[in-house]
Amino acid sequence: MLLDVKWAVKWLTMCAEAMAENRAWLIELDRPIGDSDHGENMDRGFQAVLQKLAETPPETPGAALKMTAMTLMSKVGGAAGPLYGTAFLRASSAFGDALEVDPAGLATALVAARDGIVARGKAESGDKTMVDAWTPAAEAAQAAAADGSGNVLAVLVAAAEAAEAGAVATDPLVARKGRASYLGERSAGHRDPGAASSALILRAAVGAAA
């Protein structure tokens, strides 16, 4: 099994569904340590992505992700727009013009997405940001791709599960980056909204391939 543009479009569609369904939850996560707008921003951004996909159906997975990147950068406020935009743009570059994506290409794209987030946000693991979801996801994807089974679904599942665990692991952390860092010790005890939405995005990728 390889991943094609139908998977990419379904993934992005399921991302939009996940952001709509979890809008209120993401807002609640953001309220104590942010601007209370993460859920609203992500929902609005992915609804715009759906509109773009309908207007101009992409021909490759990379084209779908590039369109998503441009849309999120223009529609999502705060730090999330540039960070997610950079992630999807780096992943689209990793996919290139390929019609299908294999496990190695998928892992490479997830690593590229993580590296883009790090480059843009200047955060690292332990800073209580979306990097805490993306780094374990990228590493798990690399490990799953390296086992030689040729199973893209296994790579996606490994990435999603690692992202979900990474998001939960932000709960006790003290934020060192972003608006939450202004709260100092008071930021502990709250899940990072960006890590939470990252886990939703990667879980949607699994659902699209299942």
N, C-alpha and C. Protein backbone atom coordinates (compact mmCIF):
# COMPACT_ATOMS: atom_id res chain seq x y z
N MET A 1 0.83 -1.20 0.00
CA MET A 1 0.00 0.00 0.00
C MET A 1 0.86 1.25 0.00
N LEU A 2 0.56 2.17 -0.90
CA LEU A 2 1.22 3.47 -0.94
C LEU A 2 0.17 4.56 -0.77
N LEU A 3 0.62 5.73 -0.41
CA LEU A 3 -0.29 6.85 -0.18
C LEU A 3 -0.34 7.74 -1.42
N ASP A 4 -1.56 8.00 -1.90
CA ASP A 4 -1.72 8.83 -3.09
C ASP A 4 -2.49 10.10 -2.78
N VAL A 5 -2.88 10.83 -3.80
CA VAL A 5 -3.54 12.11 -3.59
C VAL A 5 -4.92 11.91 -2.95
N LYS A 6 -5.56 10.77 -3.22
CA LYS A 6 -6.86 10.52 -2.57
C LYS A 6 -6.69 10.45 -1.06
N TRP A 7 -5.61 9.80 -0.63
CA TRP A 7 -5.31 9.77 0.81
C TRP A 7 -5.07 11.17 1.34
N ALA A 8 -4.28 11.96 0.64
CA ALA A 8 -3.96 13.31 1.11
C ALA A 8 -5.22 14.15 1.27
N VAL A 9 -6.10 14.09 0.28
CA VAL A 9 -7.34 14.87 0.35
C VAL A 9 -8.22 14.37 1.49
N LYS A 10 -8.29 13.05 1.65
CA LYS A 10 -9.09 12.50 2.75
C LYS A 10 -8.49 12.88 4.09
N TRP A 11 -7.17 12.87 4.19
CA TRP A 11 -6.49 13.28 5.41
C TRP A 11 -6.87 14.72 5.78
N LEU A 12 -6.77 15.61 4.83
CA LEU A 12 -7.06 17.01 5.09
C LEU A 12 -8.54 17.21 5.42
N THR A 13 -9.39 16.43 4.77
CA THR A 13 -10.82 16.48 5.07
C THR A 13 -11.08 16.02 6.50
N MET A 14 -10.39 14.95 6.91
CA MET A 14 -10.55 14.46 8.27
C MET A 14 -9.91 15.39 9.30
N CYS A 15 -8.88 16.11 8.90
CA CYS A 15 -8.32 17.17 9.76
C CYS A 15 -9.38 18.23 10.03
N ALA A 16 -10.07 18.64 8.98
CA ALA A 16 -11.11 19.66 9.12
C ALA A 16 -12.22 19.16 10.05
N GLU A 17 -12.59 17.90 9.88
CA GLU A 17 -13.62 17.32 10.75
C GLU A 17 -13.15 17.28 12.20
N ALA A 18 -11.90 16.91 12.40
CA ALA A 18 -11.35 16.82 13.75
C ALA A 18 -11.28 18.18 14.42
N MET A 19 -10.91 19.21 13.66
CA MET A 19 -10.83 20.55 14.24
C MET A 19 -12.22 21.10 14.57
N ALA A 20 -13.21 20.78 13.74
CA ALA A 20 -14.58 21.20 14.03
C ALA A 20 -15.10 20.50 15.28
N GLU A 21 -14.86 19.19 15.35
CA GLU A 21 -15.35 18.41 16.49
C GLU A 21 -14.65 18.78 17.79
N ASN A 22 -13.39 19.16 17.72
CA ASN A 22 -12.60 19.44 18.92
C ASN A 22 -12.36 20.93 19.14
N ARG A 23 -13.09 21.76 18.41
CA ARG A 23 -12.91 23.21 18.51
C ARG A 23 -13.04 23.69 19.95
N ALA A 24 -14.12 23.29 20.62
CA ALA A 24 -14.36 23.76 21.98
C ALA A 24 -13.28 23.26 22.95
N TRP A 25 -12.86 22.00 22.76
CA TRP A 25 -11.82 21.43 23.62
C TRP A 25 -10.50 22.18 23.46
N LEU A 26 -10.13 22.47 22.22
CA LEU A 26 -8.88 23.21 21.98
C LEU A 26 -8.95 24.62 22.56
N ILE A 27 -10.12 25.23 22.50
CA ILE A 27 -10.30 26.55 23.10
C ILE A 27 -10.11 26.46 24.61
N GLU A 28 -10.68 25.41 25.22
CA GLU A 28 -10.54 25.21 26.67
C GLU A 28 -9.08 25.00 27.06
N LEU A 29 -8.35 24.23 26.25
CA LEU A 29 -6.93 24.02 26.53
C LEU A 29 -6.16 25.34 26.45
N ASP A 30 -6.55 26.17 25.51
CA ASP A 30 -5.83 27.42 25.25
C ASP A 30 -6.17 28.51 26.27
N ARG A 31 -7.32 28.40 26.92
CA ARG A 31 -7.77 29.48 27.80
C ARG A 31 -6.81 29.78 28.95
N PRO A 32 -6.31 28.78 29.69
CA PRO A 32 -5.46 29.09 30.83
C PRO A 32 -4.06 29.59 30.46
N ILE A 33 -3.57 29.20 29.26
CA ILE A 33 -2.16 29.49 28.95
C ILE A 33 -1.97 30.22 27.62
N GLY A 34 -3.06 30.58 26.96
CA GLY A 34 -2.93 31.24 25.66
C GLY A 34 -3.98 32.32 25.47
N ASP A 35 -4.43 32.46 24.23
CA ASP A 35 -5.40 33.50 23.88
C ASP A 35 -6.83 32.99 23.72
N SER A 36 -7.05 31.73 24.06
CA SER A 36 -8.38 31.10 23.97
C SER A 36 -8.90 30.99 22.54
N ASP A 37 -8.01 31.07 21.56
CA ASP A 37 -8.48 31.10 20.17
C ASP A 37 -7.93 29.98 19.30
N HIS A 38 -7.20 29.03 19.90
CA HIS A 38 -6.56 28.00 19.08
C HIS A 38 -7.59 27.15 18.36
N GLY A 39 -8.63 26.74 19.06
CA GLY A 39 -9.65 25.93 18.43
C GLY A 39 -10.36 26.66 17.31
N GLU A 40 -10.69 27.91 17.54
CA GLU A 40 -11.36 28.72 16.52
C GLU A 40 -10.46 28.90 15.30
N ASN A 41 -9.20 29.19 15.55
CA ASN A 41 -8.26 29.41 14.45
C ASN A 41 -8.06 28.15 13.61
N MET A 42 -7.89 27.02 14.28
CA MET A 42 -7.65 25.77 13.55
C MET A 42 -8.89 25.35 12.77
N ASP A 43 -10.04 25.53 13.35
CA ASP A 43 -11.29 25.20 12.67
C ASP A 43 -11.45 26.08 11.43
N ARG A 44 -11.25 27.35 11.58
CA ARG A 44 -11.37 28.28 10.45
C ARG A 44 -10.35 27.96 9.36
N GLY A 45 -9.14 27.66 9.77
CA GLY A 45 -8.08 27.37 8.80
C GLY A 45 -8.37 26.15 7.97
N PHE A 46 -8.81 25.08 8.60
CA PHE A 46 -9.05 23.85 7.85
C PHE A 46 -10.35 23.89 7.06
N GLN A 47 -11.32 24.68 7.49
CA GLN A 47 -12.49 24.89 6.64
C GLN A 47 -12.09 25.60 5.35
N ALA A 48 -11.15 26.54 5.48
CA ALA A 48 -10.64 27.22 4.29
C ALA A 48 -9.87 26.26 3.38
N VAL A 49 -9.15 25.32 4.01
CA VAL A 49 -8.43 24.30 3.24
C VAL A 49 -9.42 23.45 2.43
N LEU A 50 -10.52 23.06 3.05
CA LEU A 50 -11.55 22.30 2.33
C LEU A 50 -12.06 23.05 1.12
N GLN A 51 -12.28 24.33 1.29
CA GLN A 51 -12.77 25.16 0.18
C GLN A 51 -11.76 25.19 -0.95
N LYS A 52 -10.49 25.35 -0.61
CA LYS A 52 -9.44 25.39 -1.64
C LYS A 52 -9.33 24.06 -2.37
N LEU A 53 -9.43 22.97 -1.64
CA LEU A 53 -9.34 21.65 -2.26
C LEU A 53 -10.49 21.43 -3.24
N ALA A 54 -11.65 21.95 -2.88
CA ALA A 54 -12.81 21.81 -3.77
C ALA A 54 -12.67 22.68 -5.01
N GLU A 55 -12.10 23.87 -4.83
CA GLU A 55 -11.94 24.80 -5.95
C GLU A 55 -10.90 24.32 -6.95
N THR A 56 -9.79 23.81 -6.42
CA THR A 56 -8.68 23.38 -7.28
C THR A 56 -8.17 22.03 -6.80
N PRO A 57 -8.79 20.93 -7.21
CA PRO A 57 -8.36 19.60 -6.76
C PRO A 57 -6.89 19.34 -7.10
N PRO A 58 -6.09 18.98 -6.12
CA PRO A 58 -4.67 18.73 -6.36
C PRO A 58 -4.45 17.40 -7.10
N GLU A 59 -3.32 17.30 -7.75
CA GLU A 59 -3.02 16.09 -8.53
C GLU A 59 -2.02 15.18 -7.83
N THR A 60 -1.34 15.69 -6.81
CA THR A 60 -0.36 14.88 -6.08
C THR A 60 -0.49 15.16 -4.58
N PRO A 61 0.01 14.25 -3.75
CA PRO A 61 0.01 14.53 -2.31
C PRO A 61 0.77 15.81 -1.97
N GLY A 62 1.89 16.01 -2.64
CA GLY A 62 2.68 17.22 -2.37
C GLY A 62 1.91 18.49 -2.69
N ALA A 63 1.17 18.47 -3.80
CA ALA A 63 0.37 19.65 -4.18
C ALA A 63 -0.72 19.92 -3.16
N ALA A 64 -1.32 18.85 -2.63
CA ALA A 64 -2.36 19.01 -1.61
C ALA A 64 -1.80 19.65 -0.35
N LEU A 65 -0.61 19.21 0.04
CA LEU A 65 0.00 19.76 1.26
C LEU A 65 0.48 21.19 1.06
N LYS A 66 0.97 21.50 -0.15
CA LYS A 66 1.41 22.87 -0.41
C LYS A 66 0.22 23.82 -0.38
N MET A 67 -0.90 23.42 -0.96
CA MET A 67 -2.11 24.23 -0.93
C MET A 67 -2.56 24.45 0.52
N THR A 68 -2.45 23.41 1.32
CA THR A 68 -2.81 23.51 2.74
C THR A 68 -1.90 24.50 3.45
N ALA A 69 -0.62 24.42 3.18
CA ALA A 69 0.34 25.32 3.81
C ALA A 69 0.02 26.77 3.52
N MET A 70 -0.20 27.08 2.26
CA MET A 70 -0.49 28.46 1.87
C MET A 70 -1.79 28.96 2.52
N THR A 71 -2.78 28.08 2.60
CA THR A 71 -4.07 28.47 3.17
C THR A 71 -3.96 28.71 4.66
N LEU A 72 -3.29 27.82 5.37
CA LEU A 72 -3.15 27.98 6.82
C LEU A 72 -2.35 29.23 7.17
N MET A 73 -1.34 29.52 6.37
CA MET A 73 -0.54 30.72 6.63
C MET A 73 -1.38 31.99 6.51
N SER A 74 -2.34 31.97 5.60
CA SER A 74 -3.13 33.17 5.36
C SER A 74 -4.38 33.25 6.23
N LYS A 75 -4.86 32.10 6.72
CA LYS A 75 -6.14 32.08 7.43
C LYS A 75 -6.05 31.87 8.94
N VAL A 76 -4.95 31.30 9.42
CA VAL A 76 -4.85 30.97 10.83
C VAL A 76 -4.05 32.04 11.56
N GLY A 77 -4.65 32.60 12.60
CA GLY A 77 -3.99 33.66 13.35
C GLY A 77 -2.98 33.14 14.36
N GLY A 78 -2.30 34.06 15.00
CA GLY A 78 -1.33 33.71 16.02
C GLY A 78 -0.14 32.97 15.47
N ALA A 79 0.51 32.20 16.34
CA ALA A 79 1.70 31.46 15.94
C ALA A 79 1.36 30.22 15.12
N ALA A 80 0.14 29.70 15.29
CA ALA A 80 -0.20 28.42 14.68
C ALA A 80 -0.15 28.48 13.16
N GLY A 81 -0.60 29.57 12.56
CA GLY A 81 -0.61 29.67 11.11
C GLY A 81 0.77 29.50 10.49
N PRO A 82 1.74 30.31 10.90
CA PRO A 82 3.09 30.16 10.36
C PRO A 82 3.72 28.81 10.69
N LEU A 83 3.47 28.29 11.89
CA LEU A 83 4.09 27.03 12.29
C LEU A 83 3.51 25.86 11.49
N TYR A 84 2.20 25.77 11.44
CA TYR A 84 1.59 24.68 10.67
C TYR A 84 1.83 24.88 9.17
N GLY A 85 1.79 26.11 8.74
CA GLY A 85 2.06 26.38 7.33
C GLY A 85 3.45 25.91 6.93
N THR A 86 4.43 26.21 7.79
CA THR A 86 5.80 25.77 7.51
C THR A 86 5.89 24.25 7.54
N ALA A 87 5.20 23.61 8.48
CA ALA A 87 5.23 22.15 8.57
C ALA A 87 4.69 21.50 7.30
N PHE A 88 3.54 21.96 6.85
CA PHE A 88 2.94 21.38 5.65
C PHE A 88 3.77 21.72 4.41
N LEU A 89 4.38 22.89 4.38
CA LEU A 89 5.20 23.27 3.23
C LEU A 89 6.45 22.40 3.15
N ARG A 90 7.10 22.18 4.29
CA ARG A 90 8.29 21.32 4.29
C ARG A 90 7.92 19.89 3.91
N ALA A 91 6.78 19.41 4.40
CA ALA A 91 6.35 18.06 4.04
C ALA A 91 6.04 17.95 2.55
N SER A 92 5.42 18.99 2.01
CA SER A 92 5.10 18.97 0.58
C SER A 92 6.37 18.96 -0.26
N SER A 93 7.38 19.68 0.18
CA SER A 93 8.66 19.67 -0.54
C SER A 93 9.30 18.29 -0.48
N ALA A 94 9.15 17.62 0.66
CA ALA A 94 9.71 16.27 0.79
C ALA A 94 8.99 15.29 -0.15
N PHE A 95 7.69 15.45 -0.30
CA PHE A 95 6.93 14.59 -1.22
C PHE A 95 7.28 14.90 -2.67
N GLY A 96 7.57 16.16 -2.95
CA GLY A 96 7.88 16.55 -4.32
C GLY A 96 6.70 16.34 -5.24
N ASP A 97 6.97 15.88 -6.46
CA ASP A 97 5.92 15.65 -7.45
C ASP A 97 5.47 14.19 -7.51
N ALA A 98 5.87 13.40 -6.52
CA ALA A 98 5.55 11.97 -6.54
C ALA A 98 4.04 11.75 -6.50
N LEU A 99 3.58 10.78 -7.27
CA LEU A 99 2.16 10.43 -7.28
C LEU A 99 1.80 9.55 -6.09
N GLU A 100 2.81 8.83 -5.57
CA GLU A 100 2.58 7.94 -4.44
C GLU A 100 3.73 8.07 -3.44
N VAL A 101 3.40 7.85 -2.18
CA VAL A 101 4.38 8.00 -1.10
C VAL A 101 4.56 6.65 -0.40
N ASP A 102 5.83 6.22 -0.25
CA ASP A 102 6.12 4.97 0.44
C ASP A 102 6.50 5.27 1.90
N PRO A 103 6.73 4.24 2.73
CA PRO A 103 7.04 4.47 4.14
C PRO A 103 8.23 5.39 4.37
N ALA A 104 9.30 5.18 3.59
CA ALA A 104 10.48 6.03 3.77
C ALA A 104 10.18 7.48 3.43
N GLY A 105 9.44 7.69 2.33
CA GLY A 105 9.07 9.05 1.94
C GLY A 105 8.16 9.71 2.96
N LEU A 106 7.28 8.92 3.54
CA LEU A 106 6.39 9.44 4.57
C LEU A 106 7.17 9.87 5.80
N ALA A 107 8.07 9.01 6.26
CA ALA A 107 8.88 9.35 7.42
C ALA A 107 9.74 10.58 7.16
N THR A 108 10.30 10.66 5.97
CA THR A 108 11.11 11.83 5.60
C THR A 108 10.27 13.11 5.65
N ALA A 109 9.03 13.03 5.19
CA ALA A 109 8.15 14.19 5.19
C ALA A 109 7.79 14.62 6.60
N LEU A 110 7.55 13.66 7.48
CA LEU A 110 7.21 13.99 8.86
C LEU A 110 8.39 14.61 9.59
N VAL A 111 9.58 14.12 9.30
CA VAL A 111 10.80 14.73 9.87
C VAL A 111 10.95 16.16 9.34
N ALA A 112 10.71 16.33 8.06
CA ALA A 112 10.82 17.67 7.46
C ALA A 112 9.81 18.62 8.08
N ALA A 113 8.60 18.13 8.33
CA ALA A 113 7.58 18.96 8.97
C ALA A 113 8.03 19.39 10.36
N ARG A 114 8.54 18.42 11.13
CA ARG A 114 9.05 18.74 12.47
C ARG A 114 10.18 19.76 12.41
N ASP A 115 11.11 19.55 11.48
CA ASP A 115 12.24 20.47 11.36
C ASP A 115 11.78 21.87 10.98
N GLY A 116 10.73 21.95 10.18
CA GLY A 116 10.19 23.25 9.81
C GLY A 116 9.60 23.98 11.01
N ILE A 117 8.90 23.23 11.85
CA ILE A 117 8.33 23.83 13.06
C ILE A 117 9.42 24.32 13.99
N VAL A 118 10.46 23.51 14.15
CA VAL A 118 11.59 23.89 15.01
C VAL A 118 12.27 25.15 14.46
N ALA A 119 12.50 25.16 13.15
CA ALA A 119 13.17 26.31 12.53
C ALA A 119 12.35 27.58 12.68
N ARG A 120 11.04 27.45 12.52
CA ARG A 120 10.17 28.63 12.58
C ARG A 120 9.95 29.12 14.01
N GLY A 121 9.73 28.18 14.93
CA GLY A 121 9.38 28.57 16.29
C GLY A 121 10.53 28.62 17.26
N LYS A 122 11.69 28.10 16.87
CA LYS A 122 12.89 28.09 17.72
C LYS A 122 12.66 27.35 19.03
N ALA A 123 11.75 26.38 19.03
CA ALA A 123 11.49 25.58 20.23
C ALA A 123 12.14 24.22 20.09
N GLU A 124 12.30 23.55 21.22
CA GLU A 124 12.84 22.19 21.23
C GLU A 124 12.02 21.35 22.18
N SER A 125 12.29 20.07 22.19
CA SER A 125 11.55 19.17 23.07
C SER A 125 11.67 19.63 24.52
N GLY A 126 10.55 19.58 25.24
CA GLY A 126 10.54 19.99 26.64
C GLY A 126 10.13 21.43 26.85
N ASP A 127 9.95 22.19 25.76
CA ASP A 127 9.56 23.59 25.89
C ASP A 127 8.04 23.77 26.03
N LYS A 128 7.29 22.67 25.99
CA LYS A 128 5.83 22.70 26.09
C LYS A 128 5.22 23.40 24.86
N THR A 129 5.52 22.86 23.71
CA THR A 129 4.98 23.36 22.44
C THR A 129 4.60 22.17 21.57
N MET A 130 4.16 22.44 20.36
CA MET A 130 3.81 21.36 19.44
C MET A 130 5.01 20.49 19.07
N VAL A 131 6.22 21.01 19.29
CA VAL A 131 7.41 20.20 19.05
C VAL A 131 7.40 18.94 19.92
N ASP A 132 6.79 19.03 21.10
CA ASP A 132 6.73 17.88 21.99
C ASP A 132 5.83 16.77 21.45
N ALA A 133 4.99 17.08 20.49
CA ALA A 133 4.22 16.05 19.79
C ALA A 133 4.93 15.62 18.51
N TRP A 134 5.49 16.58 17.79
CA TRP A 134 6.07 16.29 16.47
C TRP A 134 7.40 15.54 16.54
N THR A 135 8.23 15.83 17.53
CA THR A 135 9.51 15.14 17.59
C THR A 135 9.35 13.65 17.85
N PRO A 136 8.59 13.23 18.86
CA PRO A 136 8.39 11.79 19.01
C PRO A 136 7.67 11.16 17.83
N ALA A 137 6.77 11.91 17.20
CA ALA A 137 6.07 11.39 16.02
C ALA A 137 7.05 11.13 14.88
N ALA A 138 7.93 12.10 14.62
CA ALA A 138 8.91 11.95 13.54
C ALA A 138 9.86 10.79 13.82
N GLU A 139 10.29 10.68 15.07
CA GLU A 139 11.22 9.61 15.42
C GLU A 139 10.55 8.24 15.33
N ALA A 140 9.29 8.16 15.76
CA ALA A 140 8.57 6.90 15.67
C ALA A 140 8.33 6.51 14.22
N ALA A 141 8.05 7.50 13.38
CA ALA A 141 7.85 7.23 11.95
C ALA A 141 9.12 6.70 11.32
N GLN A 142 10.24 7.30 11.66
CA GLN A 142 11.52 6.83 11.12
C GLN A 142 11.79 5.37 11.53
N ALA A 143 11.53 5.06 12.79
CA ALA A 143 11.77 3.71 13.29
C ALA A 143 10.85 2.71 12.60
N ALA A 144 9.58 3.08 12.42
CA ALA A 144 8.62 2.18 11.79
C ALA A 144 8.95 1.97 10.31
N ALA A 145 9.42 3.03 9.65
CA ALA A 145 9.78 2.91 8.23
C ALA A 145 11.03 2.07 8.03
N ALA A 146 11.90 2.08 9.03
CA ALA A 146 13.18 1.39 8.90
C ALA A 146 13.06 -0.12 9.09
N ASP A 147 11.89 -0.60 9.55
CA ASP A 147 11.79 -2.03 9.81
C ASP A 147 11.63 -2.85 8.54
N GLY A 148 11.42 -2.15 7.42
CA GLY A 148 11.41 -2.84 6.13
C GLY A 148 10.12 -3.53 5.76
N SER A 149 9.07 -3.34 6.54
CA SER A 149 7.80 -4.03 6.25
C SER A 149 7.07 -3.42 5.06
N GLY A 150 7.41 -2.16 4.73
CA GLY A 150 6.73 -1.49 3.62
C GLY A 150 5.31 -1.08 3.93
N ASN A 151 4.99 -0.96 5.21
CA ASN A 151 3.63 -0.68 5.65
C ASN A 151 3.48 0.79 6.02
N VAL A 152 2.86 1.58 5.14
CA VAL A 152 2.69 3.01 5.43
C VAL A 152 1.73 3.23 6.58
N LEU A 153 0.73 2.36 6.72
CA LEU A 153 -0.21 2.52 7.81
C LEU A 153 0.48 2.36 9.15
N ALA A 154 1.41 1.42 9.23
CA ALA A 154 2.16 1.23 10.47
C ALA A 154 2.97 2.47 10.82
N VAL A 155 3.52 3.12 9.80
CA VAL A 155 4.28 4.35 10.03
C VAL A 155 3.36 5.45 10.57
N LEU A 156 2.19 5.56 9.97
CA LEU A 156 1.23 6.58 10.41
C LEU A 156 0.75 6.31 11.83
N VAL A 157 0.45 5.06 12.13
CA VAL A 157 -0.01 4.71 13.48
C VAL A 157 1.07 5.01 14.51
N ALA A 158 2.30 4.64 14.20
CA ALA A 158 3.41 4.91 15.13
C ALA A 158 3.55 6.41 15.39
N ALA A 159 3.45 7.19 14.32
CA ALA A 159 3.57 8.64 14.46
C ALA A 159 2.43 9.22 15.29
N ALA A 160 1.21 8.78 15.02
CA ALA A 160 0.05 9.30 15.74
C ALA A 160 0.09 8.95 17.21
N GLU A 161 0.44 7.69 17.51
CA GLU A 161 0.49 7.27 18.91
C GLU A 161 1.58 8.03 19.67
N ALA A 162 2.71 8.25 19.03
CA ALA A 162 3.80 8.99 19.67
C ALA A 162 3.41 10.45 19.88
N ALA A 163 2.69 11.03 18.92
CA ALA A 163 2.25 12.41 19.05
C ALA A 163 1.25 12.55 20.20
N GLU A 164 0.35 11.59 20.29
CA GLU A 164 -0.65 11.63 21.36
C GLU A 164 0.00 11.53 22.73
N ALA A 165 0.97 10.63 22.86
CA ALA A 165 1.70 10.50 24.12
C ALA A 165 2.51 11.77 24.41
N GLY A 166 3.09 12.34 23.36
CA GLY A 166 3.86 13.56 23.54
C GLY A 166 3.01 14.73 23.98
N ALA A 167 1.79 14.81 23.45
CA ALA A 167 0.87 15.88 23.84
C ALA A 167 0.49 15.75 25.31
N VAL A 168 0.16 14.54 25.73
CA VAL A 168 -0.18 14.30 27.14
C VAL A 168 1.01 14.65 28.04
N ALA A 169 2.21 14.36 27.57
CA ALA A 169 3.41 14.62 28.36
C ALA A 169 3.69 16.11 28.55
N THR A 170 3.00 16.97 27.81
CA THR A 170 3.20 18.41 28.04
C THR A 170 2.46 18.90 29.28
N ASP A 171 1.53 18.10 29.79
CA ASP A 171 0.72 18.55 30.94
C ASP A 171 1.56 19.09 32.09
N PRO A 172 2.55 18.35 32.59
CA PRO A 172 3.30 18.84 33.76
C PRO A 172 4.41 19.83 33.45
N LEU A 173 4.68 20.05 32.17
CA LEU A 173 5.83 20.89 31.81
C LEU A 173 5.58 22.36 32.10
N VAL A 174 6.65 23.07 32.36
CA VAL A 174 6.62 24.54 32.46
C VAL A 174 7.02 25.10 31.10
N ALA A 175 6.17 25.95 30.55
CA ALA A 175 6.40 26.47 29.20
C ALA A 175 7.63 27.36 29.15
N ARG A 176 8.43 27.16 28.11
CA ARG A 176 9.62 27.98 27.91
C ARG A 176 9.56 28.79 26.62
N LYS A 177 8.48 28.60 25.85
CA LYS A 177 8.32 29.33 24.59
C LYS A 177 6.87 29.79 24.46
N GLY A 178 6.68 30.83 23.67
CA GLY A 178 5.33 31.28 23.37
C GLY A 178 4.66 32.03 24.51
N ARG A 179 3.40 32.33 24.31
CA ARG A 179 2.64 33.11 25.29
C ARG A 179 2.58 32.41 26.64
N ALA A 180 2.48 31.09 26.62
CA ALA A 180 2.38 30.33 27.87
C ALA A 180 3.60 30.53 28.76
N SER A 181 4.76 30.85 28.15
CA SER A 181 5.98 31.02 28.94
C SER A 181 5.89 32.21 29.88
N TYR A 182 5.00 33.18 29.57
CA TYR A 182 4.84 34.34 30.45
C TYR A 182 4.28 33.94 31.81
N LEU A 183 3.62 32.80 31.87
CA LEU A 183 3.00 32.34 33.12
C LEU A 183 3.98 31.64 34.04
N GLY A 184 5.13 31.28 33.51
CA GLY A 184 6.12 30.60 34.34
C GLY A 184 5.57 29.30 34.90
N GLU A 185 5.76 29.09 36.21
CA GLU A 185 5.34 27.85 36.85
C GLU A 185 3.84 27.60 36.73
N ARG A 186 3.07 28.64 36.58
CA ARG A 186 1.61 28.49 36.48
C ARG A 186 1.18 27.79 35.19
N SER A 187 2.10 27.69 34.22
CA SER A 187 1.76 26.99 32.97
C SER A 187 1.73 25.47 33.17
N ALA A 188 2.36 24.99 34.23
CA ALA A 188 2.35 23.55 34.51
C ALA A 188 0.92 23.11 34.86
N GLY A 189 0.59 21.87 34.47
CA GLY A 189 -0.74 21.36 34.76
C GLY A 189 -1.73 21.57 33.64
N HIS A 190 -1.26 22.13 32.54
CA HIS A 190 -2.13 22.38 31.39
C HIS A 190 -1.49 21.78 30.14
N ARG A 191 -2.29 21.15 29.30
CA ARG A 191 -1.79 20.57 28.05
C ARG A 191 -1.57 21.66 27.02
N ASP A 192 -0.49 21.53 26.28
CA ASP A 192 -0.24 22.52 25.22
C ASP A 192 -1.23 22.34 24.09
N PRO A 193 -1.96 23.39 23.71
CA PRO A 193 -2.97 23.27 22.66
C PRO A 193 -2.39 22.88 21.29
N GLY A 194 -1.22 23.41 20.98
CA GLY A 194 -0.60 23.08 19.70
C GLY A 194 -0.19 21.62 19.61
N ALA A 195 0.29 21.07 20.73
CA ALA A 195 0.62 19.65 20.76
C ALA A 195 -0.64 18.81 20.60
N ALA A 196 -1.73 19.28 21.23
CA ALA A 196 -3.00 18.56 21.14
C ALA A 196 -3.54 18.56 19.71
N SER A 197 -3.50 19.72 19.04
CA SER A 197 -4.00 19.78 17.67
C SER A 197 -3.08 19.01 16.72
N SER A 198 -1.79 18.97 17.02
CA SER A 198 -0.86 18.19 16.21
C SER A 198 -1.21 16.71 16.27
N ALA A 199 -1.54 16.24 17.47
CA ALA A 199 -1.93 14.83 17.63
C ALA A 199 -3.20 14.54 16.86
N LEU A 200 -4.15 15.48 16.85
CA LEU A 200 -5.39 15.29 16.08
C LEU A 200 -5.08 15.18 14.59
N ILE A 201 -4.16 16.01 14.11
CA ILE A 201 -3.80 16.00 12.69
C ILE A 201 -3.18 14.68 12.28
N LEU A 202 -2.27 14.17 13.12
CA LEU A 202 -1.60 12.92 12.79
C LEU A 202 -2.54 11.72 12.94
N ARG A 203 -3.47 11.78 13.88
CA ARG A 203 -4.46 10.71 13.99
C ARG A 203 -5.38 10.71 12.77
N ALA A 204 -5.68 11.90 12.25
CA ALA A 204 -6.51 11.98 11.03
C ALA A 204 -5.80 11.32 9.85
N ALA A 205 -4.48 11.43 9.81
CA ALA A 205 -3.72 10.80 8.73
C ALA A 205 -3.88 9.29 8.77
N VAL A 206 -3.98 8.74 9.99
CA VAL A 206 -4.21 7.30 10.14
C VAL A 206 -5.61 6.95 9.61
N GLY A 207 -6.60 7.72 10.05
CA GLY A 207 -7.96 7.45 9.63
C GLY A 207 -8.13 7.49 8.11
N ALA A 208 -7.38 8.38 7.47
CA ALA A 208 -7.48 8.50 6.01
C ALA A 208 -6.87 7.29 5.30
N ALA A 209 -5.95 6.62 5.94
CA ALA A 209 -5.27 5.48 5.32
C ALA A 209 -5.88 4.14 5.70
N ALA A 210 -6.67 4.14 6.75
CA ALA A 210 -7.22 2.87 7.27
C ALA A 210 -8.26 2.29 6.32
